[in-house]
N, C-alpha and C. Protein backbone atom coordinates (compact mmCIF):
# COMPACT_ATOMS: atom_id res chain seq x y z
N UNK A 1 0.80 -1.21 0.00
CA UNK A 1 0.00 0.00 0.00
C UNK A 1 0.84 1.26 0.00
N UNK A 2 2.11 1.18 0.35
CA UNK A 2 2.95 2.36 0.45
C UNK A 2 3.82 2.55 -0.79
N UNK A 3 3.53 1.84 -1.87
CA UNK A 3 4.42 1.86 -3.02
C UNK A 3 4.56 3.22 -3.67
N UNK A 4 3.58 4.08 -3.53
CA UNK A 4 3.70 5.40 -4.15
C UNK A 4 4.24 6.45 -3.18
N UNK A 5 4.74 6.01 -2.04
CA UNK A 5 5.37 6.91 -1.08
C UNK A 5 6.86 6.64 -1.07
N UNK A 6 7.61 7.71 -0.94
CA UNK A 6 9.06 7.60 -0.76
C UNK A 6 9.32 7.62 0.74
N UNK A 7 9.94 6.56 1.26
CA UNK A 7 10.23 6.47 2.68
C UNK A 7 11.73 6.40 2.86
N UNK A 8 12.27 7.32 3.64
CA UNK A 8 13.71 7.34 3.85
C UNK A 8 14.12 8.39 4.85
N UNK A 9 15.41 8.60 4.99
CA UNK A 9 15.92 9.56 5.98
C UNK A 9 15.49 10.99 5.65
N UNK A 10 15.15 11.72 6.69
CA UNK A 10 14.80 13.13 6.54
C UNK A 10 16.05 13.95 6.30
N UNK A 11 15.87 15.06 5.63
CA UNK A 11 16.92 16.05 5.46
C UNK A 11 16.41 17.36 6.07
N UNK A 12 17.28 18.32 6.17
CA UNK A 12 16.85 19.62 6.72
C UNK A 12 15.73 20.23 5.90
N UNK A 13 15.66 19.92 4.62
CA UNK A 13 14.58 20.48 3.79
C UNK A 13 13.22 19.88 4.12
N UNK A 14 13.17 18.79 4.89
CA UNK A 14 11.91 18.18 5.31
C UNK A 14 11.35 18.80 6.58
N UNK A 15 12.13 19.61 7.28
CA UNK A 15 11.71 20.11 8.60
C UNK A 15 10.43 20.94 8.50
N UNK A 16 10.27 21.77 7.47
CA UNK A 16 9.02 22.54 7.35
C UNK A 16 7.81 21.61 7.28
N UNK A 17 7.89 20.55 6.49
CA UNK A 17 6.79 19.60 6.38
C UNK A 17 6.53 18.86 7.68
N UNK A 18 7.59 18.51 8.39
CA UNK A 18 7.45 17.86 9.70
C UNK A 18 6.74 18.79 10.67
N UNK A 19 7.15 20.06 10.71
CA UNK A 19 6.52 21.02 11.61
C UNK A 19 5.05 21.23 11.27
N UNK A 20 4.72 21.29 9.98
CA UNK A 20 3.32 21.44 9.57
C UNK A 20 2.49 20.25 10.05
N UNK A 21 3.00 19.05 9.85
CA UNK A 21 2.28 17.85 10.27
C UNK A 21 2.17 17.78 11.78
N UNK A 22 3.23 18.17 12.48
CA UNK A 22 3.19 18.21 13.95
C UNK A 22 2.07 19.16 14.41
N UNK A 23 1.99 20.34 13.81
CA UNK A 23 0.97 21.31 14.21
C UNK A 23 -0.45 20.77 14.01
N UNK A 24 -0.66 20.07 12.92
CA UNK A 24 -1.99 19.51 12.63
C UNK A 24 -2.40 18.43 13.61
N UNK A 25 -1.44 17.84 14.32
CA UNK A 25 -1.72 16.71 15.19
C UNK A 25 -1.53 17.00 16.67
N UNK A 26 -1.61 18.26 17.04
CA UNK A 26 -1.57 18.64 18.44
C UNK A 26 -2.95 18.39 19.08
N UNK A 27 -2.98 18.14 20.38
CA UNK A 27 -4.26 17.87 21.06
C UNK A 27 -5.31 18.97 20.86
N UNK A 28 -4.90 20.23 20.78
CA UNK A 28 -5.88 21.31 20.61
C UNK A 28 -6.52 21.30 19.22
N UNK A 29 -6.00 20.44 18.33
CA UNK A 29 -6.56 20.29 16.98
C UNK A 29 -7.09 18.88 16.77
N UNK A 30 -7.28 18.15 17.89
CA UNK A 30 -7.83 16.80 17.81
C UNK A 30 -6.79 15.71 17.66
N UNK A 31 -5.51 16.04 17.69
CA UNK A 31 -4.44 15.06 17.53
C UNK A 31 -4.03 14.44 18.85
N UNK A 32 -3.07 13.53 18.77
CA UNK A 32 -2.65 12.77 19.96
C UNK A 32 -1.18 12.95 20.31
N UNK A 33 -0.49 13.90 19.69
CA UNK A 33 0.91 14.11 20.05
C UNK A 33 1.00 14.63 21.48
N UNK A 34 2.03 14.22 22.19
CA UNK A 34 2.18 14.58 23.61
C UNK A 34 3.11 15.74 23.85
N UNK A 35 3.81 16.19 22.84
CA UNK A 35 4.74 17.30 23.01
C UNK A 35 4.87 18.04 21.68
N UNK A 36 5.27 19.30 21.77
CA UNK A 36 5.54 20.10 20.57
C UNK A 36 7.03 20.43 20.58
N UNK A 37 7.69 20.12 19.47
CA UNK A 37 9.12 20.38 19.36
C UNK A 37 9.36 21.52 18.38
N UNK A 38 10.40 22.26 18.64
CA UNK A 38 10.73 23.44 17.85
C UNK A 38 11.47 23.07 16.57
N UNK A 39 11.59 24.04 15.68
CA UNK A 39 12.39 23.87 14.46
C UNK A 39 13.82 23.46 14.83
N UNK A 40 14.40 24.18 15.79
CA UNK A 40 15.79 23.87 16.19
C UNK A 40 15.91 22.45 16.71
N UNK A 41 14.91 21.99 17.48
CA UNK A 41 14.95 20.62 18.01
C UNK A 41 14.95 19.62 16.85
N UNK A 42 14.05 19.81 15.87
CA UNK A 42 14.00 18.88 14.74
C UNK A 42 15.27 18.95 13.89
N UNK A 43 15.81 20.14 13.72
CA UNK A 43 17.06 20.25 12.95
C UNK A 43 18.19 19.49 13.64
N UNK A 44 18.25 19.59 14.96
CA UNK A 44 19.25 18.84 15.72
C UNK A 44 18.98 17.35 15.63
N UNK A 45 17.70 16.95 15.71
CA UNK A 45 17.34 15.53 15.63
C UNK A 45 17.75 14.94 14.29
N UNK A 46 17.49 15.66 13.20
CA UNK A 46 17.85 15.16 11.87
C UNK A 46 19.35 14.96 11.76
N UNK A 47 20.12 15.83 12.39
CA UNK A 47 21.58 15.72 12.33
C UNK A 47 22.12 14.64 13.26
N UNK A 48 21.40 14.34 14.35
CA UNK A 48 21.94 13.44 15.38
C UNK A 48 21.67 11.96 15.12
N UNK A 49 20.47 11.63 14.69
CA UNK A 49 20.06 10.24 14.54
C UNK A 49 19.08 10.15 13.38
N UNK A 50 18.73 8.93 12.97
CA UNK A 50 17.77 8.83 11.87
C UNK A 50 16.40 9.39 12.23
N UNK A 51 15.93 10.28 11.41
CA UNK A 51 14.53 10.71 11.41
C UNK A 51 14.02 10.23 10.05
N UNK A 52 12.97 9.43 10.08
CA UNK A 52 12.45 8.82 8.87
C UNK A 52 11.20 9.60 8.44
N UNK A 53 11.11 9.88 7.15
CA UNK A 53 9.92 10.56 6.64
C UNK A 53 9.30 9.72 5.51
N UNK A 54 8.00 9.90 5.37
CA UNK A 54 7.27 9.38 4.22
C UNK A 54 6.85 10.60 3.41
N UNK A 55 7.15 10.56 2.11
CA UNK A 55 6.79 11.68 1.23
C UNK A 55 5.90 11.16 0.11
N UNK A 56 4.86 11.89 -0.18
CA UNK A 56 4.02 11.63 -1.33
C UNK A 56 4.03 12.89 -2.18
N UNK A 57 4.46 12.75 -3.41
CA UNK A 57 4.54 13.92 -4.27
C UNK A 57 5.46 14.99 -3.72
N UNK A 58 6.49 14.59 -2.99
CA UNK A 58 7.45 15.52 -2.42
C UNK A 58 7.00 16.16 -1.12
N UNK A 59 5.77 15.88 -0.68
CA UNK A 59 5.25 16.46 0.57
C UNK A 59 5.36 15.44 1.70
N UNK A 60 5.80 15.90 2.88
CA UNK A 60 5.90 15.03 4.05
C UNK A 60 4.49 14.65 4.51
N UNK A 61 4.22 13.32 4.52
CA UNK A 61 2.93 12.82 4.98
C UNK A 61 3.08 11.94 6.22
N UNK A 62 4.32 11.77 6.67
CA UNK A 62 4.57 11.02 7.89
C UNK A 62 6.00 11.22 8.33
N UNK A 63 6.21 11.10 9.64
CA UNK A 63 7.58 11.16 10.15
C UNK A 63 7.69 10.31 11.40
N UNK A 64 8.89 9.82 11.62
CA UNK A 64 9.22 9.01 12.79
C UNK A 64 10.61 9.44 13.26
N UNK A 65 10.69 9.90 14.49
CA UNK A 65 11.93 10.42 15.05
C UNK A 65 12.58 9.37 15.95
N UNK A 66 13.89 9.26 15.84
CA UNK A 66 14.69 8.57 16.86
C UNK A 66 15.64 9.62 17.41
N UNK A 67 15.87 9.55 18.71
CA UNK A 67 16.74 10.56 19.32
C UNK A 67 17.38 10.00 20.58
N UNK A 68 18.55 10.54 20.92
CA UNK A 68 19.18 10.10 22.18
C UNK A 68 18.33 10.52 23.37
N UNK A 69 18.42 9.75 24.43
CA UNK A 69 17.65 10.08 25.64
C UNK A 69 17.94 11.50 26.11
N UNK A 70 19.15 11.97 25.92
CA UNK A 70 19.54 13.30 26.37
C UNK A 70 18.83 14.42 25.61
N UNK A 71 18.24 14.12 24.47
CA UNK A 71 17.53 15.14 23.70
C UNK A 71 16.22 15.55 24.35
N UNK A 72 15.83 14.82 25.40
CA UNK A 72 14.52 15.05 26.03
C UNK A 72 14.63 15.47 27.49
N UNK A 73 15.76 16.05 27.87
CA UNK A 73 15.94 16.43 29.28
C UNK A 73 14.91 17.45 29.76
N UNK A 74 14.36 18.24 28.84
CA UNK A 74 13.38 19.26 29.23
C UNK A 74 11.95 18.88 28.85
N UNK A 75 11.69 17.59 28.59
CA UNK A 75 10.35 17.12 28.23
C UNK A 75 9.85 16.23 29.38
N UNK A 76 9.00 16.77 30.25
CA UNK A 76 8.60 16.04 31.45
C UNK A 76 8.00 14.66 31.18
N UNK A 77 7.18 14.51 30.16
CA UNK A 77 6.55 13.21 29.91
C UNK A 77 7.60 12.17 29.50
N UNK A 78 8.61 12.56 28.76
CA UNK A 78 9.68 11.62 28.39
C UNK A 78 10.51 11.28 29.62
N UNK A 79 10.78 12.25 30.46
CA UNK A 79 11.52 11.97 31.68
C UNK A 79 10.74 11.02 32.58
N UNK A 80 9.41 11.16 32.64
CA UNK A 80 8.59 10.24 33.42
C UNK A 80 8.68 8.82 32.84
N UNK A 81 8.71 8.69 31.52
CA UNK A 81 8.86 7.38 30.89
C UNK A 81 10.20 6.76 31.27
N UNK A 82 11.27 7.55 31.17
CA UNK A 82 12.60 7.03 31.46
C UNK A 82 12.77 6.68 32.94
N UNK A 83 12.01 7.34 33.81
CA UNK A 83 12.05 6.99 35.23
C UNK A 83 11.30 5.68 35.47
N UNK A 84 10.28 5.40 34.68
CA UNK A 84 9.48 4.19 34.84
C UNK A 84 10.17 2.95 34.28
N UNK A 85 11.05 3.15 33.31
CA UNK A 85 11.70 2.01 32.66
C UNK A 85 13.18 2.30 32.48
N UNK A 86 14.01 1.44 33.03
CA UNK A 86 15.46 1.56 32.90
C UNK A 86 15.88 0.93 31.58
N UNK A 87 16.04 1.73 30.57
CA UNK A 87 16.43 1.24 29.25
C UNK A 87 17.88 0.76 29.26
N UNK A 88 18.22 -0.05 28.28
CA UNK A 88 19.59 -0.55 28.17
C UNK A 88 20.54 0.59 27.81
N UNK A 89 21.82 0.44 28.13
CA UNK A 89 22.79 1.45 27.70
C UNK A 89 22.76 1.55 26.16
N UNK A 90 22.79 2.75 25.67
CA UNK A 90 22.75 2.95 24.23
C UNK A 90 21.35 3.00 23.64
N UNK A 91 20.33 2.82 24.49
CA UNK A 91 18.95 2.89 24.00
C UNK A 91 18.63 4.30 23.53
N UNK A 92 17.63 4.40 22.68
CA UNK A 92 17.20 5.69 22.17
C UNK A 92 15.69 5.82 22.32
N UNK A 93 15.21 7.03 22.19
CA UNK A 93 13.78 7.30 22.26
C UNK A 93 13.20 7.21 20.85
N UNK A 94 12.17 6.40 20.71
CA UNK A 94 11.41 6.26 19.48
C UNK A 94 10.26 7.25 19.57
N UNK A 95 10.14 8.08 18.58
CA UNK A 95 9.01 8.99 18.54
C UNK A 95 9.42 10.42 18.81
N UNK A 96 8.56 11.30 18.44
CA UNK A 96 7.19 11.02 18.04
C UNK A 96 7.10 10.43 16.64
N UNK A 97 5.97 9.76 16.41
CA UNK A 97 5.61 9.27 15.09
C UNK A 97 4.29 9.93 14.73
N UNK A 98 4.17 10.35 13.51
CA UNK A 98 2.96 11.04 13.09
C UNK A 98 2.70 10.72 11.61
N UNK A 99 1.47 10.39 11.29
CA UNK A 99 1.05 10.14 9.92
C UNK A 99 -0.15 11.03 9.63
N UNK A 100 -0.11 11.70 8.49
CA UNK A 100 -1.23 12.56 8.07
C UNK A 100 -2.52 11.76 8.10
N UNK A 101 -3.61 12.37 8.57
CA UNK A 101 -4.88 11.68 8.75
C UNK A 101 -5.34 10.95 7.49
N UNK A 102 -5.19 11.56 6.34
CA UNK A 102 -5.66 10.93 5.09
C UNK A 102 -4.78 9.76 4.65
N UNK A 103 -3.62 9.59 5.29
CA UNK A 103 -2.69 8.52 4.92
C UNK A 103 -2.74 7.33 5.88
N UNK A 104 -3.50 7.44 6.96
CA UNK A 104 -3.52 6.38 7.96
C UNK A 104 -4.19 5.13 7.40
N UNK A 105 -3.72 3.99 7.90
CA UNK A 105 -4.26 2.71 7.46
C UNK A 105 -3.64 2.18 6.18
N UNK A 106 -2.61 2.83 5.69
CA UNK A 106 -1.94 2.42 4.45
C UNK A 106 -0.57 1.78 4.69
N UNK A 107 -0.23 1.54 5.95
CA UNK A 107 1.03 0.88 6.25
C UNK A 107 2.23 1.79 6.38
N UNK A 108 2.01 3.11 6.40
CA UNK A 108 3.15 4.02 6.48
C UNK A 108 3.89 3.92 7.81
N UNK A 109 3.15 3.81 8.91
CA UNK A 109 3.82 3.73 10.22
C UNK A 109 4.73 2.50 10.26
N UNK A 110 4.23 1.36 9.84
CA UNK A 110 5.03 0.15 9.83
C UNK A 110 6.23 0.24 8.90
N UNK A 111 6.03 0.84 7.73
CA UNK A 111 7.13 0.98 6.77
C UNK A 111 8.21 1.92 7.31
N UNK A 112 7.79 3.02 7.94
CA UNK A 112 8.78 3.93 8.53
C UNK A 112 9.52 3.23 9.66
N UNK A 113 8.79 2.44 10.47
CA UNK A 113 9.42 1.72 11.57
C UNK A 113 10.46 0.72 11.05
N UNK A 114 10.13 -0.02 10.02
CA UNK A 114 11.08 -0.99 9.47
C UNK A 114 12.35 -0.30 8.95
N UNK A 115 12.17 0.87 8.34
CA UNK A 115 13.32 1.63 7.86
C UNK A 115 14.18 2.09 9.03
N UNK A 116 13.54 2.60 10.08
CA UNK A 116 14.28 3.04 11.27
C UNK A 116 15.00 1.86 11.92
N UNK A 117 14.30 0.77 12.10
CA UNK A 117 14.87 -0.40 12.76
C UNK A 117 16.11 -0.91 12.02
N UNK A 118 16.03 -0.91 10.69
CA UNK A 118 17.18 -1.35 9.89
C UNK A 118 18.36 -0.38 10.02
N UNK A 119 18.07 0.88 10.34
CA UNK A 119 19.11 1.89 10.49
C UNK A 119 19.85 1.78 11.82
N UNK A 120 19.23 1.14 12.81
CA UNK A 120 19.80 1.07 14.16
C UNK A 120 19.79 -0.37 14.68
N UNK A 121 20.43 -1.29 13.96
CA UNK A 121 20.36 -2.70 14.36
C UNK A 121 20.97 -2.95 15.74
N UNK A 122 20.30 -3.81 16.50
CA UNK A 122 20.81 -4.22 17.80
C UNK A 122 20.60 -3.23 18.92
N UNK A 123 20.05 -2.05 18.63
CA UNK A 123 19.83 -1.05 19.69
C UNK A 123 18.38 -1.07 20.15
N UNK A 124 18.20 -0.83 21.44
CA UNK A 124 16.85 -0.79 22.00
C UNK A 124 16.22 0.58 21.76
N UNK A 125 14.97 0.56 21.35
CA UNK A 125 14.16 1.76 21.25
C UNK A 125 13.07 1.71 22.30
N UNK A 126 12.78 2.85 22.92
CA UNK A 126 11.72 2.91 23.94
C UNK A 126 10.77 4.05 23.58
N UNK A 127 9.51 3.84 23.92
CA UNK A 127 8.48 4.82 23.60
C UNK A 127 7.35 4.72 24.60
N UNK A 128 6.47 5.70 24.56
CA UNK A 128 5.28 5.66 25.41
C UNK A 128 4.07 5.98 24.55
N UNK A 129 2.94 5.43 24.99
CA UNK A 129 1.66 5.67 24.32
C UNK A 129 0.60 5.82 25.40
N UNK A 130 -0.24 6.82 25.26
CA UNK A 130 -1.35 6.98 26.21
C UNK A 130 -2.23 5.74 26.18
N UNK A 131 -2.64 5.30 27.34
CA UNK A 131 -3.50 4.11 27.45
C UNK A 131 -4.80 4.27 26.66
N UNK A 132 -5.29 5.50 26.54
CA UNK A 132 -6.56 5.69 25.83
C UNK A 132 -6.39 5.78 24.31
N UNK A 133 -5.18 5.62 23.82
CA UNK A 133 -4.91 5.62 22.38
C UNK A 133 -4.82 4.17 21.91
N UNK A 134 -5.95 3.49 21.90
CA UNK A 134 -5.97 2.06 21.60
C UNK A 134 -5.49 1.75 20.19
N UNK A 135 -5.76 2.61 19.23
CA UNK A 135 -5.30 2.37 17.87
C UNK A 135 -3.78 2.32 17.78
N UNK A 136 -3.12 3.25 18.45
CA UNK A 136 -1.66 3.28 18.44
C UNK A 136 -1.09 2.09 19.21
N UNK A 137 -1.71 1.73 20.33
CA UNK A 137 -1.24 0.57 21.09
C UNK A 137 -1.32 -0.70 20.23
N UNK A 138 -2.44 -0.88 19.52
CA UNK A 138 -2.58 -2.05 18.65
C UNK A 138 -1.56 -2.03 17.52
N UNK A 139 -1.40 -0.87 16.88
CA UNK A 139 -0.46 -0.77 15.76
C UNK A 139 0.95 -1.10 16.20
N UNK A 140 1.37 -0.59 17.34
CA UNK A 140 2.73 -0.85 17.81
C UNK A 140 2.91 -2.30 18.26
N UNK A 141 1.88 -2.90 18.80
CA UNK A 141 1.95 -4.33 19.14
C UNK A 141 2.12 -5.16 17.87
N UNK A 142 1.41 -4.80 16.80
CA UNK A 142 1.56 -5.51 15.52
C UNK A 142 2.98 -5.37 14.96
N UNK A 143 3.65 -4.28 15.30
CA UNK A 143 5.02 -4.08 14.85
C UNK A 143 6.02 -4.88 15.68
N UNK A 144 5.55 -5.56 16.72
CA UNK A 144 6.41 -6.42 17.52
C UNK A 144 6.96 -5.77 18.78
N UNK A 145 6.41 -4.64 19.15
CA UNK A 145 6.89 -3.99 20.38
C UNK A 145 6.21 -4.63 21.58
N UNK A 146 6.93 -4.63 22.71
CA UNK A 146 6.40 -5.24 23.93
C UNK A 146 6.26 -4.18 25.02
N UNK A 147 5.23 -4.34 25.82
CA UNK A 147 5.03 -3.43 26.95
C UNK A 147 5.97 -3.81 28.07
N UNK A 148 6.68 -2.80 28.62
CA UNK A 148 7.68 -3.06 29.66
C UNK A 148 7.41 -2.30 30.96
N UNK A 149 6.53 -1.32 30.93
CA UNK A 149 6.25 -0.53 32.14
C UNK A 149 5.01 0.33 31.90
N UNK A 150 4.63 1.03 32.95
CA UNK A 150 3.50 1.95 32.89
C UNK A 150 3.81 3.13 33.80
N UNK A 151 3.29 4.30 33.46
CA UNK A 151 3.46 5.47 34.33
C UNK A 151 2.28 6.41 34.14
N UNK A 152 2.14 7.29 35.11
CA UNK A 152 1.10 8.32 35.05
C UNK A 152 1.79 9.67 35.03
N UNK A 153 1.31 10.54 34.15
CA UNK A 153 1.87 11.89 34.03
C UNK A 153 0.73 12.84 33.70
N UNK A 154 0.66 13.92 34.44
CA UNK A 154 -0.35 14.97 34.21
C UNK A 154 -1.76 14.38 34.12
N UNK A 155 -2.03 13.39 34.97
CA UNK A 155 -3.36 12.81 35.05
C UNK A 155 -3.68 11.75 34.00
N UNK A 156 -2.75 11.44 33.13
CA UNK A 156 -2.97 10.42 32.11
C UNK A 156 -2.06 9.22 32.36
N UNK A 157 -2.54 8.04 32.00
CA UNK A 157 -1.76 6.82 32.16
C UNK A 157 -1.16 6.44 30.80
N UNK A 158 0.10 6.05 30.84
CA UNK A 158 0.85 5.71 29.63
C UNK A 158 1.44 4.32 29.75
N UNK A 159 1.52 3.62 28.64
CA UNK A 159 2.26 2.37 28.54
C UNK A 159 3.63 2.69 27.99
N UNK A 160 4.66 2.03 28.51
CA UNK A 160 6.01 2.13 27.97
C UNK A 160 6.23 0.85 27.16
N UNK A 161 6.68 1.03 25.92
CA UNK A 161 6.97 -0.10 25.04
C UNK A 161 8.44 -0.07 24.66
N UNK A 162 8.96 -1.23 24.30
CA UNK A 162 10.37 -1.33 23.89
C UNK A 162 10.51 -2.38 22.80
N UNK A 163 11.59 -2.30 22.08
CA UNK A 163 11.93 -3.27 21.03
C UNK A 163 13.42 -3.17 20.80
N UNK A 164 13.96 -4.18 20.13
CA UNK A 164 15.36 -4.14 19.74
C UNK A 164 15.45 -4.18 18.22
N UNK A 165 16.24 -3.26 17.67
CA UNK A 165 16.37 -3.16 16.20
C UNK A 165 17.16 -4.28 15.61
């Protein structure tokens, strides 16, 4: 289903599209993203570790970020996740992941994940998902991720998931 999408590493020229998609998926617009990251943060992320994008017609329709744990020192929900689960040395944070609403259900999340996983073989990735986001929990379970912990932050309960690339 993803054959007409280009899936691969993001470049700095993709950051505008990533920011646009991030804005469309904030909670105040009906989305489920748990944090908002700045242009500078994404530019640093693209330079530091693989950020995978899906492009259709040259437009970013999905993105998946991997980043060192240290990139989230000022993000309370990520710090709560890392306190709930002691990741292996060298582990990285998976996410955020975001797919444009009109592109969901076409396998983009799984395809981006496979590309990321192949880029970081043998390393553990950790992520969190709100318990009330059943679609995301199911999708990530289908990708082979396992639940390793749970935490509560700002009145919401989250599952911590992990996998090895």
